[in-house]
Each structure stands twice: as C-alpha cells, then as structure tokens.
Amino acid sequence: MGHQYIEVFKSHRTEMDWVLKHSGPNNADSANDDFVQPRGLPFGCTKEETVQFFSGLEIVPNGITLPVDPEGKITGQAFVQSASQELAEKALGKHKKRIGHSYLANYLEH
C-alpha cells in the first residue's frame, strides 16, 4: 500500500446502489443505512486490509464493497456496513488515521 490519505464519509444504501450500478457487479447484501464510505484507499487495498483498518468495528457479513471501474480496477473507495449506527459513527473516528502509508479523512454525510 502507498502513502496517501483516505476520506471516510457517512453513506446510505441508495448511494452505494448507484455506485455499484455504474461500476459493474459487486457483492453488497445489506438491509440498513449504517454505512461509512472510505475514499482515497490505496488502489491495491483489499477487503482484508479494510477489515484490519476498521478493527473494533463490527462489520456485517459481506459488509465491505469495493467498487470497480469499467476495466475492473478498484476505484479507491469502499462502502463498509457496520452492525449499528453507533458503530458507524465510531468508524468516523478514523479521520486522518493511516492505512499503510495513507491517512483517512472522515466526513459525516447524511
């Protein structure tokens, strides 16, 4: 992973659905709006690295979606669904934290 900053936004299912519709097939089986949206992830970032980054946050099964561009490459953003709104708010505490050589910037979006 490279050294860059990541932005994490509060997100909603409708936004994730739109991104997935416009970025190709992906796995996102979820039922609520307890999402955060990290942006600026290193392009080689995996779901496992995302789970590690959000350690302490209970992520629902299949709760990490990494959208891809038309060529199938990861776009540098993700959707992460936590088990509760409280945990999603806690995930926003990762503002400017590093993932590899990157740091996350969090924003709350409703």
C-alpha atoms as a PDB file:
ATOM      1  CA  MET A   1       0.000   0.000   0.000  1.00  0.00           C
ATOM      2  CA  GLY A   2       1.115   3.526  -0.740  1.00  0.00           C
ATOM      3  CA  HIS A   3       1.230   6.616   1.500  1.00  0.00           C
ATOM      4  CA  GLN A   4      -1.874   8.737   0.962  1.00  0.00           C
ATOM      5  CA  TYR A   5      -4.857   9.984   2.908  1.00  0.00           C
ATOM      6  CA  ILE A   6      -8.281   8.387   2.971  1.00  0.00           C
ATOM      7  CA  GLU A   7     -11.615  10.167   3.390  1.00  0.00           C
ATOM      8  CA  VAL A   8     -14.407   8.364   5.255  1.00  0.00           C
ATOM      9  CA  PHE A   9     -17.948   9.593   4.710  1.00  0.00           C
ATOM     10  CA  LYS A  10     -21.225   8.590   6.287  1.00  0.00           C
ATOM     11  CA  SER A  11     -23.138   6.993   3.460  1.00  0.00           C
ATOM     12  CA  HIS A  12     -26.508   5.497   2.605  1.00  0.00           C
ATOM     13  CA  ARG A  13     -27.659   2.391   0.790  1.00  0.00           C
ATOM     14  CA  THR A  14     -29.015   4.435  -2.130  1.00  0.00           C
ATOM     15  CA  GLU A  15     -25.604   5.952  -2.824  1.00  0.00           C
ATOM     16  CA  MET A  16     -23.916   2.552  -2.681  1.00  0.00           C
ATOM     17  CA  ASP A  17     -26.551   1.101  -5.016  1.00  0.00           C
ATOM     18  CA  TRP A  18     -25.962   3.930  -7.504  1.00  0.00           C
ATOM     19  CA  VAL A  19     -22.184   3.475  -7.436  1.00  0.00           C
ATOM     20  CA  LEU A  20     -22.490  -0.283  -7.839  1.00  0.00           C
ATOM     21  CA  LYS A  21     -24.947   0.086 -10.700  1.00  0.00           C
ATOM     22  CA  HIS A  22     -22.480   2.336 -12.511  1.00  0.00           C
ATOM     23  CA  SER A  23     -19.301   0.406 -11.679  1.00  0.00           C
ATOM     24  CA  GLY A  24     -20.143  -3.187 -12.513  1.00  0.00           C
ATOM     25  CA  PRO A  25     -21.015  -6.271 -10.493  1.00  0.00           C
ATOM     26  CA  ASN A  26     -20.085  -6.471  -6.838  1.00  0.00           C
ATOM     27  CA  ASN A  27     -21.251  -8.123  -3.640  1.00  0.00           C
ATOM     28  CA  ALA A  28     -23.343  -5.926  -1.350  1.00  0.00           C
ATOM     29  CA  ASP A  29     -26.001  -7.783   0.595  1.00  0.00           C
ATOM     30  CA  SER A  30     -27.287  -5.356   3.215  1.00  0.00           C
ATOM     31  CA  ALA A  31     -30.503  -4.059   4.718  1.00  0.00           C
ATOM     32  CA  ASN A  32     -29.807  -0.799   6.573  1.00  0.00           C
ATOM     33  CA  ASP A  33     -28.036   2.536   6.270  1.00  0.00           C
ATOM     34  CA  ASP A  34     -25.236   2.012   8.805  1.00  0.00           C
ATOM     35  CA  PHE A  35     -22.545   2.680   6.212  1.00  0.00           C
ATOM     36  CA  VAL A  36     -19.323   4.612   6.075  1.00  0.00           C
ATOM     37  CA  GLN A  37     -17.623   5.359   2.809  1.00  0.00           C
ATOM     38  CA  PRO A  38     -13.834   5.492   2.899  1.00  0.00           C
ATOM     39  CA  ARG A  39     -12.406   7.297  -0.133  1.00  0.00           C
ATOM     40  CA  GLY A  40      -8.821   7.550  -1.265  1.00  0.00           C
ATOM     41  CA  LEU A  41      -7.954   3.971  -0.393  1.00  0.00           C
ATOM     42  CA  PRO A  42      -4.764   2.674  -1.988  1.00  0.00           C
ATOM     43  CA  PHE A  43      -5.808   1.083  -5.284  1.00  0.00           C
ATOM     44  CA  GLY A  44      -4.442  -2.296  -4.169  1.00  0.00           C
ATOM     45  CA  CYS A  45      -6.370  -2.208  -0.882  1.00  0.00           C
ATOM     46  CA  THR A  46      -8.192  -5.471  -0.143  1.00  0.00           C
ATOM     47  CA  LYS A  47     -11.281  -6.255   1.909  1.00  0.00           C
ATOM     48  CA  GLU A  48      -8.996  -7.878   4.494  1.00  0.00           C
ATOM     49  CA  GLU A  49      -6.914  -4.705   4.832  1.00  0.00           C
ATOM     50  CA  THR A  50     -10.118  -2.694   5.170  1.00  0.00           C
ATOM     51  CA  VAL A  51     -11.296  -5.018   7.967  1.00  0.00           C
ATOM     52  CA  GLN A  52      -7.935  -4.571   9.709  1.00  0.00           C
ATOM     53  CA  PHE A  53      -8.153  -0.810   9.379  1.00  0.00           C
ATOM     54  CA  PHE A  54     -11.604  -0.780  10.976  1.00  0.00           C
ATOM     55  CA  SER A  55     -10.644  -3.223  13.744  1.00  0.00           C
ATOM     56  CA  GLY A  56     -13.014  -2.909  16.673  1.00  0.00           C
ATOM     57  CA  LEU A  57     -15.896  -2.107  14.326  1.00  0.00           C
ATOM     58  CA  GLU A  58     -18.331  -4.969  13.879  1.00  0.00           C
ATOM     59  CA  ILE A  59     -18.837  -5.264  10.132  1.00  0.00           C
ATOM     60  CA  VAL A  60     -21.842  -7.262   8.935  1.00  0.00           C
ATOM     61  CA  PRO A  61     -21.177 -10.389   6.817  1.00  0.00           C
ATOM     62  CA  ASN A  62     -20.403  -9.306   3.240  1.00  0.00           C
ATOM     63  CA  GLY A  63     -20.442  -5.736   4.573  1.00  0.00           C
ATOM     64  CA  ILE A  64     -17.457  -4.434   2.601  1.00  0.00           C
ATOM     65  CA  THR A  65     -17.944  -3.410  -1.003  1.00  0.00           C
ATOM     66  CA  LEU A  66     -15.041  -2.237  -3.151  1.00  0.00           C
ATOM     67  CA  PRO A  67     -16.493  -0.697  -6.336  1.00  0.00           C
ATOM     68  CA  VAL A  68     -14.572  -1.217  -9.552  1.00  0.00           C
ATOM     69  CA  ASP A  69     -14.210   0.890 -12.677  1.00  0.00           C
ATOM     70  CA  PRO A  70     -15.237  -0.362 -16.147  1.00  0.00           C
ATOM     71  CA  GLU A  71     -11.853  -2.098 -16.509  1.00  0.00           C
ATOM     72  CA  GLY A  72     -12.416  -3.990 -13.241  1.00  0.00           C
ATOM     73  CA  LYS A  73      -9.911  -1.994 -11.188  1.00  0.00           C
ATOM     74  CA  ILE A  74     -10.710  -0.918  -7.631  1.00  0.00           C
ATOM     75  CA  THR A  75     -11.687   2.770  -7.590  1.00  0.00           C
ATOM     76  CA  GLY A  76     -10.094   3.763  -4.283  1.00  0.00           C
ATOM     77  CA  GLN A  77     -13.386   3.969  -2.429  1.00  0.00           C
ATOM     78  CA  ALA A  78     -15.406   1.455  -0.453  1.00  0.00           C
ATOM     79  CA  PHE A  79     -18.671   1.024   1.375  1.00  0.00           C
ATOM     80  CA  VAL A  80     -18.446  -0.512   4.843  1.00  0.00           C
ATOM     81  CA  GLN A  81     -21.609  -1.555   6.669  1.00  0.00           C
ATOM     82  CA  SER A  82     -21.379  -1.783  10.440  1.00  0.00           C
ATOM     83  CA  ALA A  83     -23.712  -3.676  12.734  1.00  0.00           C
ATOM     84  CA  SER A  84     -25.253  -0.463  14.108  1.00  0.00           C
ATOM     85  CA  GLN A  85     -25.448   3.265  13.553  1.00  0.00           C
ATOM     86  CA  GLU A  86     -23.441   3.765  16.760  1.00  0.00           C
ATOM     87  CA  LEU A  87     -20.590   1.674  15.342  1.00  0.00           C
ATOM     88  CA  ALA A  88     -20.762   3.541  12.025  1.00  0.00           C
ATOM     89  CA  GLU A  89     -20.364   6.807  13.935  1.00  0.00           C
ATOM     90  CA  LYS A  90     -17.410   5.257  15.788  1.00  0.00           C
ATOM     91  CA  ALA A  91     -15.817   4.364  12.426  1.00  0.00           C
ATOM     92  CA  LEU A  92     -15.763   8.067  11.598  1.00  0.00           C
ATOM     93  CA  GLY A  93     -13.156   8.341  14.351  1.00  0.00           C
ATOM     94  CA  LYS A  94     -10.641   7.003  11.827  1.00  0.00           C
ATOM     95  CA  HIS A  95     -10.263  10.540  10.442  1.00  0.00           C
ATOM     96  CA  LYS A  96      -6.704  11.030   9.237  1.00  0.00           C
ATOM     97  CA  LYS A  97      -5.619   7.633  10.539  1.00  0.00           C
ATOM     98  CA  ARG A  98      -3.125   5.795   8.385  1.00  0.00           C
ATOM     99  CA  ILE A  99      -3.774   2.730   6.305  1.00  0.00           C
ATOM    100  CA  GLY A 100      -0.318   1.714   5.219  1.00  0.00           C
ATOM    101  CA  HIS A 101       1.191   4.983   4.079  1.00  0.00           C
ATOM    102  CA  SER A 102      -2.232   6.622   3.663  1.00  0.00           C
ATOM    103  CA  TYR A 103      -4.330   8.507   6.181  1.00  0.00           C
ATOM    104  CA  LEU A 104      -8.094   8.757   6.307  1.00  0.00           C
ATOM    105  CA  ALA A 105     -10.131  11.933   6.336  1.00  0.00           C
ATOM    106  CA  ASN A 106     -13.644  11.386   7.685  1.00  0.00           C
ATOM    107  CA  TYR A 107     -16.701  13.376   6.805  1.00  0.00           C
ATOM    108  CA  LEU A 108     -20.245  12.887   8.008  1.00  0.00           C
ATOM    109  CA  GLU A 109     -22.706  12.766   5.140  1.00  0.00           C
ATOM    110  CA  HIS A 110     -26.440  12.314   5.664  1.00  0.00           C
END
